[in-house]
Amino acid sequence: MSTFGKRLRKLREEKELTIREFAAKFGVGKTTISNWETDNRFPGQEKLIKIADYFDVSLDYLLCRTDRKEVIVIKDTVDGEDVEFGVDKAYYPDGLTHEQVVEILRKLKVAGIKIEL
C-alpha cells in the first residue's frame, strides 16, 4: 500500500527534481523533504495544498485515498450559496456548466446525501 511519503517521492521523481530543488521550491530544508518522504513528518495544511497544486493532483491522490491524480475543482453559486467540489478530469475535461452543477446537487439530495452549502 502506498503511503504519503512514497507518493510524494514518486511525484518528485516524475518531475525529475532533486530533494534540494524540491525543498527550494517550497521554502523548506532538505531534511524536511526527507522526513516527509520517509513518513517521519507530515506537512501542514498550507504546504499540502501547495504540493497538490504544484503537481496538479488532488489532495485525495496525495493522501493515498485514490489512485486518480487528476481533478478539477468546480466552484459555483447555487441558490445564493457558494459550492465547491472536485470532479475527475477524465470524465469532465472541460469542467461542468452551472446547469450540470445544479443537477448533480439535486441528484445527491434525492439520494439522501446531506449537502452542506
Protein backbone atom coordinates (compact mmCIF):
# COMPACT_ATOMS: atom_id res chain seq x y z
CA MET A 1 0.00 0.00 0.00
CA SER A 2 1.19 3.48 -0.82
CA THR A 3 1.97 6.00 1.83
CA PHE A 4 2.05 9.77 1.57
CA GLY A 5 5.84 9.72 1.61
CA LYS A 6 6.16 7.16 -1.18
CA ARG A 7 3.63 9.03 -3.29
CA LEU A 8 5.37 12.35 -2.72
CA ARG A 9 8.74 10.90 -3.69
CA LYS A 10 7.25 9.38 -6.83
CA LEU A 11 5.74 12.72 -7.85
CA ARG A 12 9.03 14.50 -7.19
CA GLU A 13 10.97 11.97 -9.21
CA GLU A 14 8.47 12.15 -12.09
CA LYS A 15 9.30 15.87 -12.32
CA GLU A 16 13.00 14.96 -12.13
CA LEU A 17 13.52 17.16 -9.10
CA THR A 18 16.26 16.54 -6.57
CA ILE A 19 15.39 16.83 -2.92
CA ARG A 20 17.34 20.10 -2.84
CA GLU A 21 15.37 21.55 -5.81
CA PHE A 22 12.06 20.44 -4.35
CA ALA A 23 12.91 21.89 -0.94
CA ALA A 24 13.85 25.23 -2.52
CA LYS A 25 10.52 25.43 -4.38
CA PHE A 26 8.62 25.01 -1.12
CA GLY A 27 10.85 27.07 1.12
CA VAL A 28 11.83 24.21 3.40
CA GLY A 29 15.05 22.36 4.14
CA LYS A 30 16.24 19.13 2.51
CA THR A 31 15.79 17.36 5.82
CA THR A 32 12.12 18.34 5.88
CA ILE A 33 11.57 16.79 2.44
CA SER A 34 13.45 13.66 3.51
CA ASN A 35 11.27 13.42 6.61
CA TRP A 36 8.10 13.81 4.51
CA GLU A 37 9.23 11.14 2.05
CA THR A 38 10.06 8.67 4.81
CA ASP A 39 6.80 9.38 6.65
CA ASN A 40 8.68 10.65 9.72
CA ARG A 41 6.94 14.02 9.47
CA PHE A 42 3.89 15.37 7.69
CA PRO A 43 3.43 18.78 6.05
CA GLY A 44 0.84 21.22 7.33
CA GLN A 45 -2.38 22.02 5.51
CA GLU A 46 -0.99 25.01 3.61
CA LYS A 47 2.00 23.04 2.32
CA LEU A 48 -0.20 20.08 1.37
CA ILE A 49 -2.37 22.32 -0.77
CA LYS A 50 0.69 23.89 -2.41
CA ILE A 51 2.16 20.45 -3.11
CA ALA A 52 -1.10 19.21 -4.67
CA ASP A 53 -1.35 22.37 -6.78
CA TYR A 54 2.28 22.12 -7.87
CA PHE A 55 1.92 18.54 -9.04
CA ASP A 56 -1.63 19.15 -10.36
CA VAL A 57 -3.10 16.30 -8.32
CA SER A 58 -5.98 16.13 -5.88
CA LEU A 59 -5.42 16.08 -2.14
CA ASP A 60 -7.13 12.68 -2.12
CA TYR A 61 -4.47 11.38 -4.51
CA LEU A 62 -1.66 12.93 -2.48
CA LEU A 63 -3.06 11.39 0.71
CA CYS A 64 -3.47 7.97 -0.95
CA ARG A 65 -7.26 7.98 -0.74
CA THR A 66 -7.48 7.43 -4.50
CA ASP A 67 -5.18 6.44 -7.33
CA ARG A 68 -6.68 9.07 -9.65
CA LYS A 69 -4.30 12.01 -9.97
CA GLU A 70 -6.38 14.48 -11.85
CA VAL A 71 -9.22 16.55 -10.50
CA ILE A 72 -10.95 19.76 -11.46
CA VAL A 73 -12.28 21.93 -8.66
CA ILE A 74 -15.73 23.24 -9.54
CA LYS A 75 -16.76 26.50 -7.93
CA ASP A 76 -20.27 27.84 -8.49
CA THR A 77 -23.13 29.63 -6.77
CA VAL A 78 -26.42 27.76 -6.38
CA ASP A 79 -29.44 29.38 -4.75
CA GLY A 80 -27.20 32.15 -3.43
CA GLU A 81 -24.81 29.69 -1.78
CA ASP A 82 -21.21 29.07 -2.86
CA VAL A 83 -20.44 25.44 -3.71
CA GLU A 84 -17.10 23.82 -4.37
CA PHE A 85 -16.26 20.20 -5.16
CA GLY A 86 -13.87 18.17 -7.25
CA VAL A 87 -14.58 16.10 -10.34
CA ASP A 88 -12.30 13.75 -12.25
CA LYS A 89 -10.73 15.37 -15.34
CA ALA A 90 -11.10 12.08 -17.20
CA TYR A 91 -14.89 12.38 -17.04
CA TYR A 92 -15.26 16.17 -17.18
CA PRO A 93 -12.21 17.54 -19.03
CA ASP A 94 -13.90 20.92 -19.57
CA GLY A 95 -15.45 21.18 -16.11
CA LEU A 96 -19.19 21.48 -15.53
CA THR A 97 -21.78 24.01 -16.60
CA HIS A 98 -23.92 25.72 -13.99
CA GLU A 99 -26.85 23.53 -15.07
CA GLN A 100 -24.80 20.37 -14.56
CA VAL A 101 -23.76 21.52 -11.07
CA VAL A 102 -27.39 22.16 -10.13
CA GLU A 103 -28.43 18.75 -11.50
CA ILE A 104 -25.67 16.93 -9.59
CA LEU A 105 -26.67 18.65 -6.34
CA ARG A 106 -30.32 17.79 -6.97
CA LYS A 107 -29.49 14.11 -7.56
CA LEU A 108 -27.36 13.96 -4.42
CA LYS A 109 -30.18 15.44 -2.34
CA VAL A 110 -32.71 13.00 -3.85
CA ALA A 111 -30.35 10.15 -2.97
CA GLY A 112 -30.44 11.32 0.65
CA ILE A 113 -26.91 12.61 0.76
CA LYS A 114 -26.58 15.58 3.10
CA ILE A 115 -25.29 18.61 1.23
CA GLU A 116 -23.79 21.50 3.15
CA LEU A 117 -23.51 24.68 1.14
